[in-house]
Amino acid sequence: MIIYLSTQKQIPSNVLFKRGKLTTQERNIIKKHPIYSEQILLYTMKNTKKNILRARIVREHHERVDGTGYPDGKIGSEILLDSKILSIADAFDSMTSPRIYKPNPIKKPIELIKSLIGTHFDEGVFKYAKTIFKEVLKEQKYEELRNINPRCATK
């Protein structure tokens, strides 16, 4: 999380917190955040094989299995498994959490992610991730009920 927040300093606030649709130029600025994250990790961590691998995982987390991702346009097996896991987890978090550009969570995030298998996401990763996602959604629903009336909610 600290790395993510640190990279946001590299992106102008008028782009980062824009409520409307981003222009092509603004999207290109946003697409640089995996590179900034990688650079921060490489600069701040001890230079070991494990840390270099961690930095690569972060750099690749917006790559897509069909090659249309960024920053490098890697395809399928060129993308580390850990990067594919981070990618699907990041997408799920984005879909289920309010954001400045999207104040309401997406209603059916698991179905949306499933529809993007083979383009954005790896099928094998999804098979394992969906079980975890279902548990997270149950917990979120429980918290919503608890926030409405704490005395009525039971687990």
C-alpha atoms as a PDB file:
ATOM      1  CA  MET A   1       0.000   0.000   0.000  1.00  0.00           C
ATOM      2  CA  ILE A   2       2.833   2.396   0.841  1.00  0.00           C
ATOM      3  CA  ILE A   3       4.387   1.758  -2.567  1.00  0.00           C
ATOM      4  CA  TYR A   4       1.042   2.395  -4.252  1.00  0.00           C
ATOM      5  CA  LEU A   5       0.600   5.669  -2.392  1.00  0.00           C
ATOM      6  CA  SER A   6       4.183   6.692  -3.144  1.00  0.00           C
ATOM      7  CA  THR A   7       3.660   6.255  -6.877  1.00  0.00           C
ATOM      8  CA  GLN A   8       0.655   8.526  -6.723  1.00  0.00           C
ATOM      9  CA  LYS A   9       3.030  11.417  -6.016  1.00  0.00           C
ATOM     10  CA  GLN A  10       4.428  10.894  -9.513  1.00  0.00           C
ATOM     11  CA  ILE A  11       0.979  11.405 -11.039  1.00  0.00           C
ATOM     12  CA  PRO A  12      -0.482  14.940 -11.082  1.00  0.00           C
ATOM     13  CA  SER A  13      -3.399  15.279  -8.647  1.00  0.00           C
ATOM     14  CA  ASN A  14      -5.656  16.733 -11.354  1.00  0.00           C
ATOM     15  CA  VAL A  15      -5.268  13.415 -13.199  1.00  0.00           C
ATOM     16  CA  LEU A  16      -5.249  11.133 -10.153  1.00  0.00           C
ATOM     17  CA  PHE A  17      -8.436  12.585  -8.645  1.00  0.00           C
ATOM     18  CA  LYS A  18     -10.310  13.436 -11.840  1.00  0.00           C
ATOM     19  CA  ARG A  19     -13.990  12.541 -11.551  1.00  0.00           C
ATOM     20  CA  GLY A  20     -14.773  12.373 -15.248  1.00  0.00           C
ATOM     21  CA  LYS A  21     -13.392  10.301 -18.073  1.00  0.00           C
ATOM     22  CA  LEU A  22      -9.642  10.490 -18.612  1.00  0.00           C
ATOM     23  CA  THR A  23      -8.205  11.752 -21.876  1.00  0.00           C
ATOM     24  CA  THR A  24      -5.757   9.564 -23.809  1.00  0.00           C
ATOM     25  CA  GLN A  25      -2.877  11.665 -22.498  1.00  0.00           C
ATOM     26  CA  GLU A  26      -4.128  11.320 -18.892  1.00  0.00           C
ATOM     27  CA  ARG A  27      -4.526   7.529 -19.283  1.00  0.00           C
ATOM     28  CA  ASN A  28      -0.946   7.326 -20.551  1.00  0.00           C
ATOM     29  CA  ILE A  29       0.215   9.139 -17.407  1.00  0.00           C
ATOM     30  CA  ILE A  30      -1.721   6.700 -15.185  1.00  0.00           C
ATOM     31  CA  LYS A  31      -0.263   3.744 -17.090  1.00  0.00           C
ATOM     32  CA  LYS A  32       3.207   4.703 -15.847  1.00  0.00           C
ATOM     33  CA  HIS A  33       2.421   3.872 -12.202  1.00  0.00           C
ATOM     34  CA  PRO A  34       3.664   0.246 -12.423  1.00  0.00           C
ATOM     35  CA  ILE A  35       7.026   1.555 -13.629  1.00  0.00           C
ATOM     36  CA  TYR A  36       7.166   4.094 -10.794  1.00  0.00           C
ATOM     37  CA  SER A  37       6.302   1.332  -8.306  1.00  0.00           C
ATOM     38  CA  GLU A  38       9.031  -0.912  -9.654  1.00  0.00           C
ATOM     39  CA  GLN A  39      11.569   1.916  -9.467  1.00  0.00           C
ATOM     40  CA  ILE A  40      10.649   2.713  -5.874  1.00  0.00           C
ATOM     41  CA  LEU A  41      11.003  -0.944  -4.882  1.00  0.00           C
ATOM     42  CA  LEU A  42      14.344  -1.335  -6.628  1.00  0.00           C
ATOM     43  CA  TYR A  43      15.646   1.891  -5.093  1.00  0.00           C
ATOM     44  CA  THR A  44      14.475   1.248  -1.534  1.00  0.00           C
ATOM     45  CA  MET A  45      15.021  -2.497  -1.105  1.00  0.00           C
ATOM     46  CA  LYS A  46      18.247  -4.435  -0.785  1.00  0.00           C
ATOM     47  CA  ASN A  47      19.385  -5.672  -4.203  1.00  0.00           C
ATOM     48  CA  THR A  48      18.570  -9.389  -3.965  1.00  0.00           C
ATOM     49  CA  LYS A  49      17.062 -11.820  -6.475  1.00  0.00           C
ATOM     50  CA  LYS A  50      13.912 -12.026  -4.351  1.00  0.00           C
ATOM     51  CA  ASN A  51      13.452  -8.242  -4.274  1.00  0.00           C
ATOM     52  CA  ILE A  52      14.135  -7.895  -7.993  1.00  0.00           C
ATOM     53  CA  LEU A  53      11.416 -10.516  -8.534  1.00  0.00           C
ATOM     54  CA  ARG A  54       9.020  -8.593  -6.248  1.00  0.00           C
ATOM     55  CA  ALA A  55       9.620  -5.438  -8.258  1.00  0.00           C
ATOM     56  CA  ARG A  56       8.908  -7.309 -11.492  1.00  0.00           C
ATOM     57  CA  ILE A  57       5.643  -8.677 -10.067  1.00  0.00           C
ATOM     58  CA  VAL A  58       4.517  -5.138  -9.273  1.00  0.00           C
ATOM     59  CA  ARG A  59       5.590  -3.862 -12.701  1.00  0.00           C
ATOM     60  CA  GLU A  60       3.542  -6.574 -14.452  1.00  0.00           C
ATOM     61  CA  HIS A  61       0.325  -6.267 -12.449  1.00  0.00           C
ATOM     62  CA  HIS A  62      -1.498  -4.439 -15.285  1.00  0.00           C
ATOM     63  CA  GLU A  63      -0.355  -6.777 -18.034  1.00  0.00           C
ATOM     64  CA  ARG A  64      -3.150  -8.786 -19.668  1.00  0.00           C
ATOM     65  CA  VAL A  65      -2.967 -12.359 -20.874  1.00  0.00           C
ATOM     66  CA  ASP A  66      -3.948 -11.257 -24.403  1.00  0.00           C
ATOM     67  CA  GLY A  67      -1.039  -8.784 -24.585  1.00  0.00           C
ATOM     68  CA  THR A  68      -3.122  -5.574 -24.434  1.00  0.00           C
ATOM     69  CA  GLY A  69      -1.970  -4.587 -20.927  1.00  0.00           C
ATOM     70  CA  TYR A  70       0.743  -2.212 -19.823  1.00  0.00           C
ATOM     71  CA  PRO A  71       3.489  -1.145 -19.367  1.00  0.00           C
ATOM     72  CA  ASP A  72       5.208  -3.727 -21.601  1.00  0.00           C
ATOM     73  CA  GLY A  73       2.392  -5.484 -23.490  1.00  0.00           C
ATOM     74  CA  LYS A  74       3.453  -8.933 -22.271  1.00  0.00           C
ATOM     75  CA  ILE A  75       1.298 -11.883 -23.246  1.00  0.00           C
ATOM     76  CA  GLY A  76       0.255 -15.136 -21.529  1.00  0.00           C
ATOM     77  CA  SER A  77       3.213 -17.080 -20.179  1.00  0.00           C
ATOM     78  CA  GLU A  78       5.506 -14.036 -20.392  1.00  0.00           C
ATOM     79  CA  ILE A  79       3.643 -12.703 -17.341  1.00  0.00           C
ATOM     80  CA  LEU A  80       4.674 -14.100 -13.972  1.00  0.00           C
ATOM     81  CA  LEU A  81       2.033 -16.151 -12.147  1.00  0.00           C
ATOM     82  CA  ASP A  82       2.405 -13.866  -9.110  1.00  0.00           C
ATOM     83  CA  SER A  83       1.703 -10.852 -11.347  1.00  0.00           C
ATOM     84  CA  LYS A  84      -1.440 -12.548 -12.658  1.00  0.00           C
ATOM     85  CA  ILE A  85      -2.582 -13.137  -9.083  1.00  0.00           C
ATOM     86  CA  LEU A  86      -1.888  -9.528  -8.102  1.00  0.00           C
ATOM     87  CA  SER A  87      -3.696  -8.346 -11.234  1.00  0.00           C
ATOM     88  CA  ILE A  88      -6.925 -10.218 -10.519  1.00  0.00           C
ATOM     89  CA  ALA A  89      -6.836  -9.263  -6.821  1.00  0.00           C
ATOM     90  CA  ASP A  90      -6.260  -5.598  -7.692  1.00  0.00           C
ATOM     91  CA  ALA A  91      -9.141  -5.663 -10.174  1.00  0.00           C
ATOM     92  CA  PHE A  92     -11.483  -7.268  -7.638  1.00  0.00           C
ATOM     93  CA  ASP A  93     -10.512  -4.677  -5.013  1.00  0.00           C
ATOM     94  CA  SER A  94     -11.099  -1.861  -7.495  1.00  0.00           C
ATOM     95  CA  MET A  95     -14.514  -3.269  -8.447  1.00  0.00           C
ATOM     96  CA  THR A  96     -15.688  -3.732  -4.862  1.00  0.00           C
ATOM     97  CA  SER A  97     -14.322  -0.534  -3.288  1.00  0.00           C
ATOM     98  CA  PRO A  98     -15.504   3.021  -3.794  1.00  0.00           C
ATOM     99  CA  ARG A  99     -13.086   5.124  -5.850  1.00  0.00           C
ATOM    100  CA  ILE A 100     -13.076   8.819  -6.695  1.00  0.00           C
ATOM    101  CA  TYR A 101     -13.972   7.980 -10.305  1.00  0.00           C
ATOM    102  CA  LYS A 102     -16.431   5.226  -9.303  1.00  0.00           C
ATOM    103  CA  PRO A 103     -18.171   5.884  -5.979  1.00  0.00           C
ATOM    104  CA  ASN A 104     -20.370   2.766  -6.118  1.00  0.00           C
ATOM    105  CA  PRO A 105     -18.963  -0.767  -6.206  1.00  0.00           C
ATOM    106  CA  ILE A 106     -19.741  -2.942  -9.220  1.00  0.00           C
ATOM    107  CA  LYS A 107     -22.732  -5.196  -8.460  1.00  0.00           C
ATOM    108  CA  LYS A 108     -21.377  -8.518  -9.784  1.00  0.00           C
ATOM    109  CA  PRO A 109     -17.571  -8.341  -9.769  1.00  0.00           C
ATOM    110  CA  ILE A 110     -17.007 -12.110 -10.000  1.00  0.00           C
ATOM    111  CA  GLU A 111     -19.157 -12.347 -13.127  1.00  0.00           C
ATOM    112  CA  LEU A 112     -17.363  -9.370 -14.677  1.00  0.00           C
ATOM    113  CA  ILE A 113     -13.936 -10.870 -13.963  1.00  0.00           C
ATOM    114  CA  LYS A 114     -15.113 -14.219 -15.360  1.00  0.00           C
ATOM    115  CA  SER A 115     -16.163 -12.478 -18.588  1.00  0.00           C
ATOM    116  CA  LEU A 116     -12.594 -11.160 -18.928  1.00  0.00           C
ATOM    117  CA  ILE A 117     -10.872 -14.555 -18.709  1.00  0.00           C
ATOM    118  CA  GLY A 118      -8.616 -15.064 -21.696  1.00  0.00           C
ATOM    119  CA  THR A 119      -8.293 -11.348 -22.387  1.00  0.00           C
ATOM    120  CA  HIS A 120      -7.428  -9.691 -19.068  1.00  0.00           C
ATOM    121  CA  PHE A 121      -7.136 -12.612 -16.678  1.00  0.00           C
ATOM    122  CA  ASP A 122      -5.743 -16.144 -16.515  1.00  0.00           C
ATOM    123  CA  GLU A 123      -8.367 -18.906 -16.238  1.00  0.00           C
ATOM    124  CA  GLY A 124      -6.370 -20.964 -13.747  1.00  0.00           C
ATOM    125  CA  VAL A 125      -5.868 -18.002 -11.433  1.00  0.00           C
ATOM    126  CA  PHE A 126      -9.587 -17.204 -11.612  1.00  0.00           C
ATOM    127  CA  LYS A 127     -10.564 -20.754 -10.603  1.00  0.00           C
ATOM    128  CA  TYR A 128      -8.750 -20.320  -7.296  1.00  0.00           C
ATOM    129  CA  ALA A 129      -9.472 -16.619  -6.794  1.00  0.00           C
ATOM    130  CA  LYS A 130     -13.261 -16.876  -7.166  1.00  0.00           C
ATOM    131  CA  THR A 131     -13.537 -18.931  -3.954  1.00  0.00           C
ATOM    132  CA  ILE A 132     -11.703 -16.207  -2.041  1.00  0.00           C
ATOM    133  CA  PHE A 133     -13.731 -13.472  -3.742  1.00  0.00           C
ATOM    134  CA  LYS A 134     -16.998 -15.146  -2.702  1.00  0.00           C
ATOM    135  CA  GLU A 135     -15.826 -15.180   0.918  1.00  0.00           C
ATOM    136  CA  VAL A 136     -14.837 -11.508   0.726  1.00  0.00           C
ATOM    137  CA  LEU A 137     -18.259 -10.585  -0.667  1.00  0.00           C
ATOM    138  CA  LYS A 138     -19.967 -12.518   2.153  1.00  0.00           C
ATOM    139  CA  GLU A 139     -17.894 -10.579   4.695  1.00  0.00           C
ATOM    140  CA  GLN A 140     -18.715  -7.274   2.988  1.00  0.00           C
ATOM    141  CA  LYS A 141     -22.434  -8.111   3.024  1.00  0.00           C
ATOM    142  CA  TYR A 142     -22.201  -8.985   6.712  1.00  0.00           C
ATOM    143  CA  GLU A 143     -20.468  -5.657   7.439  1.00  0.00           C
ATOM    144  CA  GLU A 144     -23.144  -3.771   5.471  1.00  0.00           C
ATOM    145  CA  LEU A 145     -25.891  -5.454   7.522  1.00  0.00           C
ATOM    146  CA  ARG A 146     -24.028  -4.716  10.738  1.00  0.00           C
ATOM    147  CA  ASN A 147     -23.653  -1.054   9.784  1.00  0.00           C
ATOM    148  CA  ILE A 148     -27.377  -0.745   9.080  1.00  0.00           C
ATOM    149  CA  ASN A 149     -28.421  -2.207  12.439  1.00  0.00           C
ATOM    150  CA  PRO A 150     -25.651  -3.654  14.625  1.00  0.00           C
ATOM    151  CA  ARG A 151     -28.144  -5.390  16.952  1.00  0.00           C
ATOM    152  CA  CYS A 152     -29.876  -7.275  14.135  1.00  0.00           C
ATOM    153  CA  ALA A 153     -26.830  -8.663  12.364  1.00  0.00           C
ATOM    154  CA  THR A 154     -25.729 -12.170  13.123  1.00  0.00           C
ATOM    155  CA  LYS A 155     -22.912 -14.077  11.575  1.00  0.00           C
END
